[in-house]
Amino acid sequence: MRRRLGKLELSYEYTTRLMSFARRRQTTQLREAEQALRELEGLVAEIRTDRAKWEGVVSTNVVREGYYLGRDLESFREHVEKLRAAALEKQSLMVLDEGWRFRLDPDDVGVEREWFAPGLDDCDWEPIAVGRSWEDQGYEGYDGFAWYRMRFDLKPEWIDRGAVLSFGAVDGEAWIYLDGAQIAHHEGWDTPFTAPLSSVEPGERVLAVRVWDGSKQGGIWKPVTVAIPSE
């Protein structure tokens, strides 16, 4: 009897948490959506890792990737990512879509040779566009390290307003350097992220991005901007 009551209580908890998510799944408010995502991720993680607790309450199939709640989680992650990107786009100050140079680094020598250094002569590097994978630009089948470099003018009023570098997505791992100093690191092929500019001096700055991709498409495949983050 005690075990049955425990399962009933757990069923009520599951329903309550699921309904809490359902009420917010269509929200267009970023903070509310991020909170709902954290709660749903927590619920799915619990069910996946503690089968003894949830046995008899939730089927394993419910949280499998591509099925039921697992599918809802992936779909809602995409929704939140779009809200994040939209929030930054609304506050975009400059789109960094021109002047990028590119070089493959199959032997991973770029850090040792300081390819991030502002004084590096990158004239022999190839031009490349961001917002598209490197496979779509003549580097089919390449997996490994590669580097991007470009220069842009950082205005003092942007720093005063708390501007950041905003990356729509980099597939798959990225190290961000500005004027030779690493200012950010990110893992996750399809998630937006930012790099701070608060300690950077205004003027012409040199941005370098080291990218690692282990399979399929790679590179800076979504836009890069200077933006004011939403509060």
Protein backbone atom coordinates (compact mmCIF):
# COMPACT_ATOMS: atom_id res chain seq x y z
CA MET A 1 0.00 0.00 0.00
CA ARG A 2 2.78 2.43 0.92
CA ARG A 3 4.52 1.78 -2.38
CA ARG A 4 1.29 2.35 -4.30
CA LEU A 5 0.69 5.64 -2.49
CA GLY A 6 4.24 6.68 -3.30
CA LYS A 7 3.67 6.02 -6.99
CA LEU A 8 0.41 8.00 -6.88
CA GLU A 9 2.22 10.95 -5.32
CA LEU A 10 4.93 10.66 -7.96
CA SER A 11 2.30 10.58 -10.70
CA TYR A 12 0.81 13.78 -9.31
CA GLU A 13 4.28 15.39 -9.21
CA TYR A 14 4.94 14.35 -12.82
CA THR A 15 1.60 15.73 -13.99
CA THR A 16 2.11 19.00 -12.12
CA ARG A 17 5.58 19.54 -13.56
CA LEU A 18 4.44 18.60 -17.04
CA MET A 19 1.46 20.98 -16.89
CA SER A 20 3.74 23.77 -15.66
CA PHE A 21 5.81 23.31 -18.80
CA ALA A 22 2.73 23.03 -21.04
CA ARG A 23 1.42 26.39 -19.85
CA ARG A 24 4.66 28.10 -20.92
CA ARG A 25 5.70 26.22 -24.04
CA GLN A 26 4.33 28.92 -26.38
CA THR A 27 5.74 31.88 -24.44
CA THR A 28 7.69 34.51 -26.34
CA GLN A 29 9.29 35.87 -23.15
CA LEU A 30 12.92 34.77 -23.07
CA ARG A 31 13.35 34.54 -19.30
CA GLU A 32 10.14 32.58 -18.87
CA ALA A 33 11.10 30.24 -21.70
CA GLU A 34 14.58 29.67 -20.26
CA GLN A 35 13.09 28.83 -16.86
CA ALA A 36 10.64 26.40 -18.45
CA LEU A 37 13.50 24.79 -20.39
CA ARG A 38 15.58 24.30 -17.24
CA GLU A 39 12.63 22.67 -15.48
CA LEU A 40 11.87 20.36 -18.40
CA GLU A 41 15.54 19.38 -18.76
CA GLY A 42 15.59 18.58 -15.05
CA LEU A 43 12.49 16.39 -15.30
CA VAL A 44 13.76 14.48 -18.33
CA ALA A 45 17.19 13.98 -16.72
CA GLU A 46 15.59 12.58 -13.57
CA ILE A 47 13.46 10.11 -15.49
CA ARG A 48 16.39 8.98 -17.63
CA THR A 49 18.81 8.47 -14.74
CA ASP A 50 16.55 7.14 -11.96
CA ARG A 51 14.46 4.44 -13.58
CA ALA A 52 13.73 2.72 -10.26
CA LYS A 53 12.04 5.83 -8.93
CA TRP A 54 9.91 6.48 -12.02
CA GLU A 55 9.11 2.87 -12.94
CA GLY A 56 5.37 2.38 -13.15
CA VAL A 57 4.82 6.13 -13.54
CA VAL A 58 6.52 7.09 -16.80
CA SER A 59 7.52 4.75 -19.62
CA THR A 60 11.12 4.83 -20.80
CA ASN A 61 9.84 5.60 -24.31
CA VAL A 62 8.46 8.92 -23.10
CA VAL A 63 11.94 10.43 -22.66
CA ARG A 64 13.72 8.78 -25.57
CA GLU A 65 15.19 11.22 -28.09
CA GLY A 66 12.69 11.79 -30.86
CA TYR A 67 9.75 10.42 -28.86
CA TYR A 68 7.11 12.18 -26.78
CA LEU A 69 8.74 14.23 -24.00
CA GLY A 70 12.20 13.78 -25.48
CA ARG A 71 10.92 15.22 -28.75
CA ASP A 72 9.21 18.07 -26.89
CA LEU A 73 12.49 18.87 -25.15
CA GLU A 74 14.43 19.14 -28.42
CA SER A 75 11.69 21.23 -30.00
CA PHE A 76 11.55 23.59 -27.03
CA ARG A 77 15.33 23.98 -27.02
CA GLU A 78 15.07 25.21 -30.60
CA HIS A 79 12.32 27.62 -29.56
CA VAL A 80 14.47 29.06 -26.76
CA GLU A 81 17.48 29.39 -29.06
CA LYS A 82 15.38 31.37 -31.54
CA LEU A 83 14.21 33.67 -28.73
CA ARG A 84 17.82 34.21 -27.64
CA ALA A 85 18.92 34.98 -31.17
CA ALA A 86 15.98 37.35 -31.69
CA ALA A 87 16.74 39.18 -28.44
CA LEU A 88 20.30 39.82 -29.55
CA GLU A 89 19.32 40.69 -33.11
CA LYS A 90 17.00 43.42 -31.86
CA GLN A 91 19.96 45.02 -30.11
CA SER A 92 22.49 44.45 -32.88
CA LEU A 93 24.95 47.31 -33.39
CA MET A 94 27.08 45.80 -36.15
CA VAL A 95 26.97 42.62 -38.21
CA LEU A 96 30.47 41.18 -38.63
CA ASP A 97 29.93 39.60 -42.01
CA GLU A 98 32.82 40.98 -44.08
CA GLY A 99 36.59 40.69 -44.09
CA TRP A 100 36.93 37.22 -42.60
CA ARG A 101 40.09 35.21 -43.35
CA PHE A 102 40.38 31.44 -42.88
CA ARG A 103 43.02 28.78 -42.45
CA LEU A 104 42.87 25.05 -41.73
CA ASP A 105 44.95 23.76 -38.83
CA PRO A 106 45.08 19.97 -39.26
CA ASP A 107 48.16 19.62 -37.04
CA ASP A 108 46.80 21.92 -34.32
CA VAL A 109 49.76 24.30 -34.41
CA GLY A 110 47.78 27.55 -34.40
CA VAL A 111 47.94 28.21 -30.66
CA GLU A 112 51.68 27.49 -30.49
CA ARG A 113 52.30 29.77 -33.48
CA GLU A 114 49.96 32.42 -32.07
CA TRP A 115 47.55 32.66 -34.95
CA PHE A 116 45.42 34.73 -32.59
CA ALA A 117 48.05 37.50 -32.35
CA PRO A 118 46.87 40.90 -33.64
CA GLY A 119 50.13 41.48 -35.52
CA LEU A 120 49.97 38.22 -37.47
CA ASP A 121 50.19 38.63 -41.24
CA ASP A 122 47.12 36.76 -42.50
CA CYS A 123 47.29 37.99 -46.09
CA ASP A 124 47.89 34.45 -47.34
CA TRP A 125 44.80 33.15 -45.53
CA GLU A 126 41.74 32.44 -47.65
CA PRO A 127 38.64 34.66 -47.60
CA ILE A 128 35.56 33.01 -46.14
CA ALA A 129 31.98 33.91 -45.23
CA VAL A 130 30.42 33.37 -41.83
CA GLY A 131 26.83 32.22 -41.59
CA ARG A 132 27.72 29.10 -43.61
CA SER A 133 29.75 26.00 -42.79
CA TRP A 134 33.25 25.65 -44.21
CA GLU A 135 32.12 22.48 -46.04
CA ASP A 136 29.78 24.68 -48.09
CA GLN A 137 32.74 26.85 -49.11
CA GLY A 138 35.20 24.40 -50.59
CA TYR A 139 36.38 22.43 -47.57
CA GLU A 140 34.24 19.32 -47.98
CA GLY A 141 35.12 16.44 -45.72
CA TYR A 142 37.44 18.40 -43.44
CA ASP A 143 37.17 17.72 -39.70
CA GLY A 144 39.59 19.15 -37.18
CA PHE A 145 40.88 22.56 -36.14
CA ALA A 146 40.56 25.72 -38.22
CA TRP A 147 40.90 29.45 -37.62
CA TYR A 148 38.97 32.57 -38.57
CA ARG A 149 40.28 36.13 -38.33
CA MET A 150 38.85 39.58 -39.03
CA ARG A 151 39.17 43.22 -37.99
CA PHE A 152 36.42 45.58 -36.87
CA ASP A 153 36.08 49.04 -35.33
CA LEU A 154 34.80 48.99 -31.73
CA LYS A 155 33.18 52.29 -30.79
CA PRO A 156 33.56 53.66 -27.22
CA GLU A 157 29.83 54.25 -26.83
CA TRP A 158 29.19 50.57 -27.51
CA ILE A 159 31.47 49.59 -24.63
CA ASP A 160 29.67 52.07 -22.38
CA ARG A 161 26.38 50.36 -23.24
CA GLY A 162 27.70 46.91 -22.30
CA ALA A 163 28.13 45.54 -25.82
CA VAL A 164 29.14 41.91 -26.36
CA LEU A 165 30.24 39.78 -29.27
CA SER A 166 27.28 37.58 -30.18
CA PHE A 167 27.74 34.29 -32.03
CA GLY A 168 24.62 32.68 -33.49
CA ALA A 169 26.32 29.26 -33.46
CA VAL A 170 29.71 27.66 -34.09
CA ASP A 171 29.99 23.99 -34.95
CA GLY A 172 31.24 22.49 -32.74
CA GLU A 173 33.76 24.03 -30.16
CA ALA A 174 35.08 27.59 -30.26
CA TRP A 175 37.80 29.65 -28.59
CA ILE A 176 37.38 33.41 -29.01
CA TYR A 177 40.39 35.76 -29.02
CA LEU A 178 40.36 39.53 -29.19
CA ASP A 179 43.66 41.34 -29.74
CA GLY A 180 45.51 38.19 -28.73
CA ALA A 181 43.66 37.50 -25.46
CA GLN A 182 41.18 34.67 -25.09
CA ILE A 183 37.85 36.14 -23.98
CA ALA A 184 35.49 33.17 -24.34
CA HIS A 185 35.19 29.43 -24.92
CA HIS A 186 32.06 27.58 -25.99
CA GLU A 187 30.97 24.01 -26.70
CA GLY A 188 27.73 23.23 -28.50
CA TRP A 189 27.27 23.16 -32.24
CA ASP A 190 23.83 24.77 -32.40
CA THR A 191 23.56 27.17 -29.46
CA PRO A 192 24.15 30.94 -29.44
CA PHE A 193 26.69 32.46 -27.04
CA THR A 194 28.36 35.77 -26.26
CA ALA A 195 31.83 37.05 -25.43
CA PRO A 196 32.33 40.12 -23.20
CA LEU A 197 33.78 43.40 -24.44
CA SER A 198 33.75 45.28 -21.13
CA SER A 199 37.54 45.23 -20.67
CA VAL A 200 38.40 46.01 -24.30
CA GLU A 201 39.67 49.36 -25.50
CA PRO A 202 37.80 51.07 -28.36
CA GLY A 203 39.32 51.29 -31.82
CA GLU A 204 40.26 48.73 -34.45
CA ARG A 205 40.28 45.29 -32.88
CA VAL A 206 41.44 41.92 -34.23
CA LEU A 207 39.05 39.03 -33.68
CA ALA A 208 40.30 35.45 -34.02
CA VAL A 209 38.21 32.31 -33.60
CA ARG A 210 39.71 28.85 -33.23
CA VAL A 211 37.21 26.13 -34.11
CA TRP A 212 37.22 22.40 -33.57
CA ASP A 213 34.76 20.21 -35.48
CA GLY A 214 34.74 16.44 -35.21
CA SER A 215 32.16 15.41 -37.79
CA LYS A 216 29.81 16.59 -40.54
CA GLN A 217 29.39 20.37 -40.98
CA GLY A 218 31.77 22.74 -39.18
CA GLY A 219 32.59 26.39 -38.62
CA ILE A 220 30.87 29.68 -37.84
CA TRP A 221 27.59 28.78 -39.51
CA LYS A 222 25.40 31.52 -38.02
CA PRO A 223 25.90 35.31 -37.90
CA VAL A 224 28.36 37.16 -35.67
CA THR A 225 27.38 40.59 -34.36
CA VAL A 226 28.31 43.26 -31.87
CA ALA A 227 25.16 43.57 -29.78
CA ILE A 228 23.59 44.91 -26.60
CA PRO A 229 22.32 41.88 -24.66
CA SER A 230 18.72 41.92 -23.48
CA GLU A 231 18.25 42.49 -19.76
